[in-house]
Structure formats: structure tokens, C-alpha cells
Amino acid sequence: MNWAGFYTILSGVNRYSTGIGRIWLSVVFIFRIMVLVVAAESVWGDEKSSFTCNTQQPGCNSVCYDHFFPISHVRLWALQLIIVSTPALLVAMHVAYQQHQEKRMLRMSGQGDAKHLDEVKKHKIHISGMLWWTYTLSVLFRVIFEGIFMYIFYMIYPGYKMIRLVKCDAYPCPNIVDCFVSRPTEKTIFTVFMLTASGLCIILNVAEMGFLIARACVRRSRKRSNLPSGKSSFYEGKEYKQNEINQMLTEEGALKQKGVHCSAS
């Protein structure tokens, strides 16, 4: 897989993330993707050819390997990284939609020149309103997906430990045969390391959810507190700046609908 292209896609999400979200992205690429590409793929590269059983029966090795190792660690980790990182793309899509709406309003107001349109991309995005819900849900999905994959690893490989010897009696093996796994200790170390990194990502995601909820509660308490009029307007303007475009579009749609009703009558 082209992990460089995958990094390019997710690095665009980094500019809209919180500080904890940036740490999570660094952990994903340094401790998971780099280890997977540089070391883990070479460790599991010969897993099928080095899996040997004490029999010459044709097909016995392949059947026993498929029975005890239904999916490769490397492929399962790659699938995990792709699925866990996908919710982060929802944030980028939401931000792109907001920028599209803002550009649309600029064109409608007669300010659709290249200079104003380029400034839209430079605007600092605040995680509030509907974007807060999108961001929080993306973090929640990451936690759920990480937990699901850790459970899958535990079900396929009990105790997260690579076994040294397996006994197989699947057809076409003539009887119970002993099969040996290559480099079980090294594979166990890599498995524990990758699952530890996955657990660290879960902790970071939970911490980020707590941070987002706490900051939303602080905003709500500031709204309800009796602030001076100048400060109140400052906080309210900062919080609802991103929602002004959607409100204008809603009012525009309502006026058009009203015009249609008037013409029909």
C-alpha cells in the first residue's frame, strides 16, 4: 500500500485538529505506520513458507496454516489503520463544505474575486456548532474501531501471544501433526508493541473527547454568565461566526420559497 499518499491525505486533517489530535496523528504515523512498513512487514514476510509440519502429506501445511492463522498480522494492522483513520476524513469533508458555502456567499455578495476566495482557505476554523458534533463523533468512532480490532486480535490470537507449536488434525493431514511457527518470540514482541500503541491511541482519543466536552461546557457557561455587553458580544461573535453563512443561506431559501408561494397564489 502507498502509505505516503495515505499520510498526505490525513496530514490535511491535522490543521483542523486539537493539540491532542495532533499528538494522536503523530503516534499513528511514527509508532504504527513506520514500524509496520519498516520492520513488521519483513518479520512476517516468510510466515507462510517457514510454517512447517512434520509430515510430507501434500496440502497439510497450507490447511493447518489457514486454520491457525486466518489473517496475517500485517494485513490486519493495515486494515485497522485504514478504518481507524477514516473518521478523521469526515472533519476534512465538513470543513470543505463550510468553505464552499462561504465562497458561495462571497460570490452572491459580489466579492467573488480570487483574493477573497483565497482568504477563505486561510481562515482559522473553530471547532464549534455542527463541526463540534462532527469532530466529536469522529473521535468516538476511532475509539470504537480501535476496541473492535483489539478484540479481534484477542479472539484470533488468545493472550496476544504467538504460539510456538500447534497440533493439527485437519484434512488432508493423515493424523495429528506438529507444526512449527517461525520466530514466535520476535512476532510476539511486535504484536505487543503494536497493541500498546493502539491502546495509547485509545487513551489519547478518550482524552480528546473529554477536552472537547469540557470546552463546550465552558462555552455554554460563558453564554449563560452575566458578562459585560462588550465581552458578551465578543464571545458570541467568536462562537457563532461560522454559523452566519448557514443562517443566511437558510433565510435565502425561505425567501425563495415564499416567493414561489406568492406567485402560485
Protein backbone atom coordinates (compact mmCIF):
# COMPACT_ATOMS: atom_id res chain seq x y z
CA MET A 1 0.00 0.00 0.00
CA ASN A 2 1.13 3.59 -0.68
CA TRP A 3 1.41 4.85 2.88
CA ALA A 4 2.93 8.15 1.69
CA GLY A 5 -0.31 9.02 -0.09
CA PHE A 6 -2.26 7.96 2.98
CA TYR A 7 -0.13 10.32 5.10
CA THR A 8 -0.72 13.18 2.67
CA ILE A 9 -4.48 12.77 2.97
CA LEU A 10 -4.51 12.68 6.76
CA SER A 11 -1.96 15.47 7.19
CA GLY A 12 -4.57 17.84 5.76
CA VAL A 13 -6.84 16.97 8.70
CA ASN A 14 -4.06 17.90 11.14
CA ARG A 15 -4.59 21.65 10.66
CA TYR A 16 -8.16 21.38 11.95
CA SER A 17 -7.33 19.14 14.93
CA THR A 18 -6.84 19.99 18.58
CA GLY A 19 -3.46 19.64 20.27
CA ILE A 20 -4.34 16.13 21.47
CA GLY A 21 -5.49 15.24 17.95
CA ARG A 22 -2.09 16.24 16.56
CA ILE A 23 -0.37 14.03 19.13
CA TRP A 24 -2.65 11.13 18.11
CA LEU A 25 -1.75 11.60 14.45
CA SER A 26 1.98 11.62 15.32
CA VAL A 27 1.63 8.39 17.30
CA VAL A 28 -0.23 6.76 14.41
CA PHE A 29 2.48 7.56 11.87
CA ILE A 30 5.62 7.21 13.99
CA PHE A 31 4.79 4.25 16.20
CA ARG A 32 2.38 2.35 13.98
CA ILE A 33 2.75 3.04 10.27
CA MET A 34 6.54 3.42 10.29
CA VAL A 35 7.02 0.31 12.43
CA LEU A 36 4.60 -1.59 10.20
CA VAL A 37 6.37 -0.58 6.98
CA VAL A 38 9.99 -0.72 8.17
CA ALA A 39 10.04 -3.74 10.47
CA ALA A 40 6.80 -5.70 10.80
CA GLU A 41 6.37 -6.49 7.10
CA SER A 42 9.84 -8.06 6.95
CA VAL A 43 9.23 -10.11 10.11
CA TRP A 44 6.02 -11.60 8.71
CA GLY A 45 7.30 -11.83 5.14
CA ASP A 46 8.20 -15.52 5.40
CA GLU A 47 5.43 -16.65 7.73
CA LYS A 48 3.81 -18.97 5.17
CA SER A 49 6.98 -20.52 3.75
CA SER A 50 8.55 -21.04 7.20
CA PHE A 51 5.46 -22.67 8.69
CA THR A 52 6.43 -26.35 8.64
CA CYS A 53 4.69 -29.51 9.79
CA ASN A 54 6.29 -32.91 10.46
CA THR A 55 4.56 -34.57 7.52
CA GLN A 56 5.06 -34.81 3.79
CA GLN A 57 1.34 -35.04 3.03
CA PRO A 58 0.56 -32.58 0.21
CA GLY A 59 -1.68 -29.73 1.32
CA CYS A 60 -1.33 -30.38 5.04
CA ASN A 61 0.89 -27.36 5.68
CA SER A 62 -1.43 -24.97 3.85
CA VAL A 63 -4.58 -26.25 5.54
CA CYS A 64 -3.06 -26.09 9.02
CA TYR A 65 -1.66 -22.60 8.43
CA ASP A 66 -5.03 -21.32 7.23
CA HIS A 67 -6.72 -22.88 10.26
CA PHE A 68 -4.49 -21.31 12.92
CA PHE A 69 -3.69 -18.02 11.12
CA PRO A 70 -6.84 -16.99 9.20
CA ILE A 71 -5.45 -13.49 8.55
CA SER A 72 -1.94 -12.10 8.63
CA HIS A 73 -0.97 -9.71 11.39
CA VAL A 74 0.36 -7.22 8.84
CA ARG A 75 -2.81 -7.20 6.75
CA LEU A 76 -4.99 -6.90 9.85
CA TRP A 77 -2.92 -3.97 11.12
CA ALA A 78 -3.12 -2.28 7.72
CA LEU A 79 -6.91 -2.72 7.69
CA GLN A 80 -7.08 -1.39 11.25
CA LEU A 81 -5.10 1.75 10.41
CA ILE A 82 -7.24 2.49 7.37
CA ILE A 83 -10.56 2.04 9.17
CA VAL A 84 -9.45 3.88 12.32
CA SER A 85 -8.18 6.85 10.31
CA THR A 86 -11.24 7.11 8.07
CA PRO A 87 -13.45 9.04 10.58
CA ALA A 88 -10.86 11.84 10.59
CA LEU A 89 -11.70 12.45 6.93
CA LEU A 90 -15.25 13.40 7.98
CA VAL A 91 -13.83 16.51 9.62
CA ALA A 92 -11.97 17.49 6.45
CA MET A 93 -15.14 16.97 4.41
CA HIS A 94 -17.17 19.10 6.83
CA VAL A 95 -14.61 21.92 6.70
CA ALA A 96 -14.52 21.74 2.90
CA TYR A 97 -18.32 22.05 2.85
CA GLN A 98 -18.18 25.11 5.11
CA GLN A 99 -15.56 26.75 2.90
CA HIS A 100 -17.66 26.01 -0.18
CA GLN A 101 -20.66 27.69 1.43
CA GLU A 102 -18.57 30.70 2.40
CA LYS A 103 -17.24 31.05 -1.15
CA ARG A 104 -20.79 30.82 -2.44
CA MET A 105 -21.87 33.69 -0.18
CA LEU A 106 -18.92 35.80 -1.30
CA ARG A 107 -19.91 35.32 -4.95
CA MET A 108 -23.51 36.22 -4.15
CA SER A 109 -22.40 39.40 -2.37
CA GLY A 110 -20.22 40.46 -5.31
CA GLN A 111 -16.89 39.69 -3.60
CA GLY A 112 -16.06 36.55 -5.54
CA ASP A 113 -12.67 37.70 -6.78
CA ALA A 114 -9.61 35.47 -6.45
CA LYS A 115 -8.21 37.39 -3.49
CA HIS A 116 -11.27 36.95 -1.29
CA LEU A 117 -11.70 33.31 -2.33
CA ASP A 118 -8.11 32.52 -1.40
CA GLU A 119 -8.56 34.12 2.01
CA VAL A 120 -11.34 31.63 2.79
CA LYS A 121 -8.80 28.79 2.99
CA LYS A 122 -6.65 30.81 5.39
CA HIS A 123 -9.43 31.42 7.89
CA LYS A 124 -8.90 29.74 11.25
CA ILE A 125 -11.54 27.08 11.82
CA HIS A 126 -13.06 26.94 15.30
CA ILE A 127 -14.48 23.62 16.45
CA SER A 128 -17.98 24.75 17.36
CA GLY A 129 -21.53 24.27 16.21
CA MET A 130 -22.09 21.37 13.83
CA LEU A 131 -18.35 20.99 13.30
CA TRP A 132 -18.04 20.17 17.02
CA TRP A 133 -20.50 17.31 16.60
CA THR A 134 -18.69 16.01 13.51
CA TYR A 135 -15.32 16.15 15.22
CA THR A 136 -16.54 14.53 18.45
CA LEU A 137 -18.31 11.73 16.58
CA SER A 138 -15.18 11.06 14.52
CA VAL A 139 -13.16 10.66 17.72
CA LEU A 140 -15.83 8.39 19.19
CA PHE A 141 -15.78 6.17 16.10
CA ARG A 142 -11.99 5.93 16.34
CA VAL A 143 -12.28 4.63 19.91
CA ILE A 144 -14.92 2.09 18.89
CA PHE A 145 -12.92 0.83 15.91
CA GLU A 146 -9.73 0.53 17.96
CA GLY A 147 -11.57 -1.50 20.59
CA ILE A 148 -13.13 -3.77 17.97
CA PHE A 149 -9.78 -4.59 16.38
CA MET A 150 -8.13 -5.26 19.74
CA TYR A 151 -10.94 -7.69 20.49
CA ILE A 152 -10.47 -9.35 17.07
CA PHE A 153 -6.77 -9.81 17.79
CA TYR A 154 -7.59 -11.36 21.16
CA MET A 155 -10.11 -13.76 19.64
CA ILE A 156 -7.77 -14.90 16.85
CA TYR A 157 -4.59 -14.96 18.95
CA PRO A 158 -5.55 -15.57 22.61
CA GLY A 159 -3.42 -13.58 25.00
CA TYR A 160 -1.83 -11.69 22.08
CA LYS A 161 0.95 -14.28 22.15
CA MET A 162 2.38 -16.04 19.14
CA ILE A 163 2.37 -19.77 19.80
CA ARG A 164 5.49 -21.84 19.01
CA LEU A 165 3.88 -25.20 18.30
CA VAL A 166 0.42 -26.12 17.07
CA LYS A 167 -1.15 -29.53 16.69
CA CYS A 168 -3.27 -30.00 13.60
CA ASP A 169 -5.50 -32.85 12.51
CA ALA A 170 -7.34 -31.13 9.64
CA TYR A 171 -7.85 -32.95 6.36
CA PRO A 172 -5.72 -33.97 4.41
CA CYS A 173 -3.29 -34.48 7.30
CA PRO A 174 -3.02 -38.25 7.96
CA ASN A 175 -3.07 -37.82 11.75
CA ILE A 176 -2.34 -35.24 14.44
CA VAL A 177 0.80 -33.48 13.23
CA ASP A 178 3.07 -30.93 14.91
CA CYS A 179 3.51 -27.61 13.10
CA PHE A 180 6.14 -25.03 14.00
CA VAL A 181 5.91 -21.24 13.69
CA SER A 182 8.97 -19.25 12.64
CA ARG A 183 10.34 -16.56 15.01
CA PRO A 184 7.47 -16.68 17.54
CA THR A 185 9.26 -14.55 20.17
CA GLU A 186 10.04 -11.74 17.73
CA LYS A 187 6.47 -11.77 16.44
CA THR A 188 5.12 -11.66 19.99
CA ILE A 189 7.24 -8.58 20.75
CA PHE A 190 5.97 -6.78 17.66
CA THR A 191 2.39 -7.75 18.44
CA VAL A 192 2.61 -6.40 22.00
CA PHE A 193 4.25 -3.20 20.74
CA MET A 194 1.59 -2.54 18.11
CA LEU A 195 -1.26 -3.28 20.51
CA THR A 196 0.35 -1.00 23.12
CA ALA A 197 0.45 1.79 20.53
CA SER A 198 -3.21 1.06 19.77
CA GLY A 199 -4.04 1.32 23.48
CA LEU A 200 -2.16 4.63 23.67
CA CYS A 201 -4.26 5.91 20.76
CA ILE A 202 -7.42 4.92 22.63
CA ILE A 203 -6.26 6.88 25.69
CA LEU A 204 -5.50 9.94 23.53
CA ASN A 205 -8.90 9.72 21.84
CA VAL A 206 -10.72 9.48 25.17
CA ALA A 207 -8.70 12.44 26.47
CA GLU A 208 -9.58 14.44 23.36
CA MET A 209 -13.26 13.67 23.80
CA GLY A 210 -13.06 14.87 27.39
CA PHE A 211 -11.29 18.03 26.25
CA LEU A 212 -13.93 18.75 23.59
CA ILE A 213 -16.80 18.21 26.02
CA ALA A 214 -15.15 20.34 28.70
CA ARG A 215 -14.51 23.18 26.28
CA ALA A 216 -18.12 23.03 25.07
CA CYS A 217 -19.33 23.23 28.67
CA VAL A 218 -17.10 26.25 29.28
CA ARG A 219 -18.55 27.98 26.23
CA ARG A 220 -22.08 27.27 27.41
CA SER A 221 -21.34 28.58 30.90
CA ARG A 222 -19.86 31.76 29.42
CA LYS A 223 -23.02 32.28 27.40
CA ARG A 224 -25.20 31.98 30.48
CA SER A 225 -22.99 34.09 32.74
CA ASN A 226 -23.69 37.80 33.15
CA LEU A 227 -20.77 39.23 31.21
CA PRO A 228 -20.43 42.92 30.29
CA SER A 229 -22.04 43.74 26.98
CA GLY A 230 -18.71 44.22 25.18
CA LYS A 231 -17.28 40.89 26.31
CA SER A 232 -20.56 39.12 25.72
CA SER A 233 -20.74 40.29 22.13
CA PHE A 234 -17.10 39.30 21.65
CA TYR A 235 -17.63 35.73 22.80
CA GLU A 236 -20.90 35.34 20.97
CA GLY A 237 -19.43 36.73 17.76
CA LYS A 238 -16.48 34.36 18.00
CA GLU A 239 -18.66 31.34 18.68
CA TYR A 240 -21.29 31.94 16.02
CA LYS A 241 -19.10 33.34 13.27
CA GLN A 242 -19.07 30.04 11.41
CA ASN A 243 -22.85 29.67 11.59
CA GLU A 244 -23.63 33.05 9.99
CA ILE A 245 -23.24 31.67 6.47
CA ASN A 246 -25.65 28.78 7.09
CA GLN A 247 -28.19 31.17 8.61
CA MET A 248 -28.00 33.48 5.59
CA LEU A 249 -28.47 30.55 3.24
CA THR A 250 -31.48 29.38 5.24
CA GLU A 251 -33.07 32.82 5.11
CA GLU A 252 -32.39 33.00 1.37
CA GLY A 253 -34.08 29.64 0.83
CA ALA A 254 -37.07 30.75 2.89
CA LEU A 255 -37.45 33.93 0.84
CA LYS A 256 -37.32 31.97 -2.41
CA GLN A 257 -39.93 29.53 -1.13
CA LYS A 258 -42.14 32.41 -0.05
CA GLY A 259 -41.81 33.96 -3.50
CA VAL A 260 -42.89 30.71 -5.12
CA HIS A 261 -46.00 30.56 -2.91
CA CYS A 262 -46.87 34.17 -3.71
CA SER A 263 -46.54 33.59 -7.46
CA ALA A 264 -48.66 30.44 -7.22
CA SER A 265 -51.43 32.29 -5.38
